[in-house]
């Protein structure tokens, strides 16, 4: 019977899709950096700085940048922030961490040319 073979292939496809970070990234050439002040962040407000640059190091100007923060475990509501460009290719937002522990932030940007950038950045050790 071939059921185990197609079942295994289907499960592998689902697992692979689940690990992709969700959505597609139409701009893999864009470098995304995310930093927090204070570092590591503490529970409460933290200043997030997102830097977007192309493969040649040129700033990615005029992007719409949104951040979504999630705990690494289920059961916590995500936090959201819209970032504004303060310098060419540099975007700032205030994020509010609601609990200590390990988080990840999804950086979602729409570039000036319409391409989408999605990156997952681990933020470990948010302090209480």
C-alpha atoms as a PDB file:
ATOM      1  CA  UNK A   1       0.000   0.000   0.000  1.00  0.00           C
ATOM      2  CA  UNK A   2       1.351   3.469  -0.906  1.00  0.00           C
ATOM      3  CA  UNK A   3      -0.499   5.393   1.821  1.00  0.00           C
ATOM      4  CA  UNK A   4       2.514   5.758   4.154  1.00  0.00           C
ATOM      5  CA  UNK A   5       4.644   7.224   1.332  1.00  0.00           C
ATOM      6  CA  UNK A   6       2.123   9.906   0.290  1.00  0.00           C
ATOM      7  CA  UNK A   7       1.214  10.580   3.914  1.00  0.00           C
ATOM      8  CA  UNK A   8       4.873  11.136   4.803  1.00  0.00           C
ATOM      9  CA  UNK A   9       5.332  13.423   1.788  1.00  0.00           C
ATOM     10  CA  UNK A  10       2.252  15.430   2.756  1.00  0.00           C
ATOM     11  CA  UNK A  11       3.398  15.817   6.348  1.00  0.00           C
ATOM     12  CA  UNK A  12       6.837  16.934   5.207  1.00  0.00           C
ATOM     13  CA  UNK A  13       5.263  19.542   2.924  1.00  0.00           C
ATOM     14  CA  UNK A  14       3.111  20.867   5.790  1.00  0.00           C
ATOM     15  CA  UNK A  15       6.047  21.034   8.187  1.00  0.00           C
ATOM     16  CA  UNK A  16       8.195  22.825   5.634  1.00  0.00           C
ATOM     17  CA  UNK A  17       5.448  25.350   4.919  1.00  0.00           C
ATOM     18  CA  UNK A  18       4.986  25.940   8.645  1.00  0.00           C
ATOM     19  CA  UNK A  19       8.667  26.777   9.101  1.00  0.00           C
ATOM     20  CA  UNK A  20       8.820  29.327   6.315  1.00  0.00           C
ATOM     21  CA  UNK A  21       7.812  32.247   8.526  1.00  0.00           C
ATOM     22  CA  UNK A  22       4.507  32.788   6.753  1.00  0.00           C
ATOM     23  CA  UNK A  23       3.968  34.733   3.583  1.00  0.00           C
ATOM     24  CA  UNK A  24       6.474  35.287   0.847  1.00  0.00           C
ATOM     25  CA  UNK A  25       9.417  37.644   0.818  1.00  0.00           C
ATOM     26  CA  UNK A  26       9.613  39.359  -2.556  1.00  0.00           C
ATOM     27  CA  UNK A  27      12.835  41.163  -1.622  1.00  0.00           C
ATOM     28  CA  UNK A  28      15.386  38.628  -0.356  1.00  0.00           C
ATOM     29  CA  UNK A  29      18.157  41.087  -1.302  1.00  0.00           C
ATOM     30  CA  UNK A  30      17.048  43.529   1.413  1.00  0.00           C
ATOM     31  CA  UNK A  31      18.999  43.328   4.660  1.00  0.00           C
ATOM     32  CA  UNK A  32      16.893  43.840   7.792  1.00  0.00           C
ATOM     33  CA  UNK A  33      18.381  44.738  11.179  1.00  0.00           C
ATOM     34  CA  UNK A  34      16.363  45.206  14.353  1.00  0.00           C
ATOM     35  CA  UNK A  35      17.745  46.711  17.565  1.00  0.00           C
ATOM     36  CA  UNK A  36      16.151  47.759  20.846  1.00  0.00           C
ATOM     37  CA  UNK A  37      16.953  50.398  23.403  1.00  0.00           C
ATOM     38  CA  UNK A  38      17.357  49.329  26.146  1.00  0.00           C
ATOM     39  CA  UNK A  39      19.118  46.153  25.095  1.00  0.00           C
ATOM     40  CA  UNK A  40      18.026  43.642  26.094  1.00  0.00           C
ATOM     41  CA  UNK A  41      14.543  45.152  26.334  1.00  0.00           C
ATOM     42  CA  UNK A  42      12.625  45.267  29.590  1.00  0.00           C
ATOM     43  CA  UNK A  43       8.920  44.741  30.214  1.00  0.00           C
ATOM     44  CA  UNK A  44       7.242  47.956  29.135  1.00  0.00           C
ATOM     45  CA  UNK A  45       8.121  50.365  26.357  1.00  0.00           C
ATOM     46  CA  UNK A  46      11.277  49.913  24.290  1.00  0.00           C
ATOM     47  CA  UNK A  47      12.509  51.902  21.301  1.00  0.00           C
ATOM     48  CA  UNK A  48      12.815  49.685  18.216  1.00  0.00           C
ATOM     49  CA  UNK A  49      15.109  50.663  15.346  1.00  0.00           C
ATOM     50  CA  UNK A  50      14.719  48.857  12.025  1.00  0.00           C
ATOM     51  CA  UNK A  51      17.384  49.383   9.386  1.00  0.00           C
ATOM     52  CA  UNK A  52      16.639  48.375   5.783  1.00  0.00           C
ATOM     53  CA  UNK A  53      19.368  48.319   3.130  1.00  0.00           C
ATOM     54  CA  UNK A  54      19.884  46.721  -0.259  1.00  0.00           C
ATOM     55  CA  UNK A  55      22.665  44.257  -1.094  1.00  0.00           C
ATOM     56  CA  UNK A  56      24.995  47.167  -1.889  1.00  0.00           C
ATOM     57  CA  UNK A  57      24.377  48.787   1.488  1.00  0.00           C
ATOM     58  CA  UNK A  58      22.177  51.584   0.137  1.00  0.00           C
ATOM     59  CA  UNK A  59      19.307  52.549   2.467  1.00  0.00           C
ATOM     60  CA  UNK A  60      15.837  51.350   1.492  1.00  0.00           C
ATOM     61  CA  UNK A  61      13.941  54.632   1.692  1.00  0.00           C
ATOM     62  CA  UNK A  62      10.218  55.243   1.804  1.00  0.00           C
ATOM     63  CA  UNK A  63       9.099  51.867   3.153  1.00  0.00           C
ATOM     64  CA  UNK A  64       5.996  51.254   5.257  1.00  0.00           C
ATOM     65  CA  UNK A  65       7.230  49.221   8.247  1.00  0.00           C
ATOM     66  CA  UNK A  66       5.083  47.356  10.761  1.00  0.00           C
ATOM     67  CA  UNK A  67       6.249  45.259  13.710  1.00  0.00           C
ATOM     68  CA  UNK A  68       4.450  42.374  15.390  1.00  0.00           C
ATOM     69  CA  UNK A  69       5.853  41.039  18.655  1.00  0.00           C
ATOM     70  CA  UNK A  70       4.952  37.561  19.922  1.00  0.00           C
ATOM     71  CA  UNK A  71       6.032  35.424  22.843  1.00  0.00           C
ATOM     72  CA  UNK A  72       7.697  32.128  21.962  1.00  0.00           C
ATOM     73  CA  UNK A  73       4.896  30.278  23.750  1.00  0.00           C
ATOM     74  CA  UNK A  74       1.179  30.248  23.053  1.00  0.00           C
ATOM     75  CA  UNK A  75      -1.406  32.140  25.028  1.00  0.00           C
ATOM     76  CA  UNK A  76      -0.116  35.720  24.905  1.00  0.00           C
ATOM     77  CA  UNK A  77      -1.655  38.439  22.789  1.00  0.00           C
ATOM     78  CA  UNK A  78       0.724  39.897  20.181  1.00  0.00           C
ATOM     79  CA  UNK A  79       1.840  43.523  20.338  1.00  0.00           C
ATOM     80  CA  UNK A  80       1.962  45.755  17.271  1.00  0.00           C
ATOM     81  CA  UNK A  81       3.797  48.928  16.291  1.00  0.00           C
ATOM     82  CA  UNK A  82       4.058  51.079  13.171  1.00  0.00           C
ATOM     83  CA  UNK A  83       7.529  52.438  12.474  1.00  0.00           C
ATOM     84  CA  UNK A  84       8.300  55.793  10.909  1.00  0.00           C
ATOM     85  CA  UNK A  85      11.342  56.687   8.842  1.00  0.00           C
ATOM     86  CA  UNK A  86      13.615  59.077  10.738  1.00  0.00           C
ATOM     87  CA  UNK A  87      16.679  58.803   8.496  1.00  0.00           C
ATOM     88  CA  UNK A  88      17.097  57.211   5.069  1.00  0.00           C
ATOM     89  CA  UNK A  89      16.485  53.486   5.549  1.00  0.00           C
ATOM     90  CA  UNK A  90      16.100  53.788   9.329  1.00  0.00           C
ATOM     91  CA  UNK A  91      12.700  53.323  10.963  1.00  0.00           C
ATOM     92  CA  UNK A  92      11.715  53.830  14.604  1.00  0.00           C
ATOM     93  CA  UNK A  93       8.797  52.534  16.661  1.00  0.00           C
ATOM     94  CA  UNK A  94       7.912  52.104  20.299  1.00  0.00           C
ATOM     95  CA  UNK A  95       7.051  48.518  21.206  1.00  0.00           C
ATOM     96  CA  UNK A  96       5.567  47.520  24.526  1.00  0.00           C
ATOM     97  CA  UNK A  97       6.700  44.153  25.851  1.00  0.00           C
ATOM     98  CA  UNK A  98       3.974  42.837  28.144  1.00  0.00           C
ATOM     99  CA  UNK A  99       5.893  40.001  29.811  1.00  0.00           C
ATOM    100  CA  UNK A 100       9.443  38.904  30.504  1.00  0.00           C
ATOM    101  CA  UNK A 101      10.926  36.014  28.544  1.00  0.00           C
ATOM    102  CA  UNK A 102      11.717  35.124  24.954  1.00  0.00           C
ATOM    103  CA  UNK A 103       9.926  36.917  22.113  1.00  0.00           C
ATOM    104  CA  UNK A 104      10.158  37.119  18.356  1.00  0.00           C
ATOM    105  CA  UNK A 105       9.325  40.126  16.208  1.00  0.00           C
ATOM    106  CA  UNK A 106       7.974  39.914  12.685  1.00  0.00           C
ATOM    107  CA  UNK A 107       9.260  42.838  10.634  1.00  0.00           C
ATOM    108  CA  UNK A 108       6.845  43.464   7.768  1.00  0.00           C
ATOM    109  CA  UNK A 109       7.804  46.146   5.278  1.00  0.00           C
ATOM    110  CA  UNK A 110       6.389  47.297   1.979  1.00  0.00           C
ATOM    111  CA  UNK A 111       9.202  48.917   0.018  1.00  0.00           C
ATOM    112  CA  UNK A 112       8.734  52.061  -2.071  1.00  0.00           C
ATOM    113  CA  UNK A 113       8.686  49.882  -5.222  1.00  0.00           C
ATOM    114  CA  UNK A 114       5.858  47.725  -3.779  1.00  0.00           C
ATOM    115  CA  UNK A 115       7.924  44.642  -2.901  1.00  0.00           C
ATOM    116  CA  UNK A 116       7.201  43.022   0.451  1.00  0.00           C
ATOM    117  CA  UNK A 117       9.806  42.119   3.064  1.00  0.00           C
ATOM    118  CA  UNK A 118       9.005  39.758   5.940  1.00  0.00           C
ATOM    119  CA  UNK A 119      11.620  38.746   8.498  1.00  0.00           C
ATOM    120  CA  UNK A 120      11.436  37.034  11.875  1.00  0.00           C
ATOM    121  CA  UNK A 121      13.889  38.289  14.504  1.00  0.00           C
ATOM    122  CA  UNK A 122      14.355  36.537  17.853  1.00  0.00           C
ATOM    123  CA  UNK A 123      14.373  38.796  20.908  1.00  0.00           C
ATOM    124  CA  UNK A 124      15.629  36.699  23.786  1.00  0.00           C
ATOM    125  CA  UNK A 125      15.591  37.530  27.455  1.00  0.00           C
ATOM    126  CA  UNK A 126      13.168  40.410  27.819  1.00  0.00           C
ATOM    127  CA  UNK A 127      13.762  41.446  31.439  1.00  0.00           C
ATOM    128  CA  UNK A 128      11.043  41.806  34.063  1.00  0.00           C
END
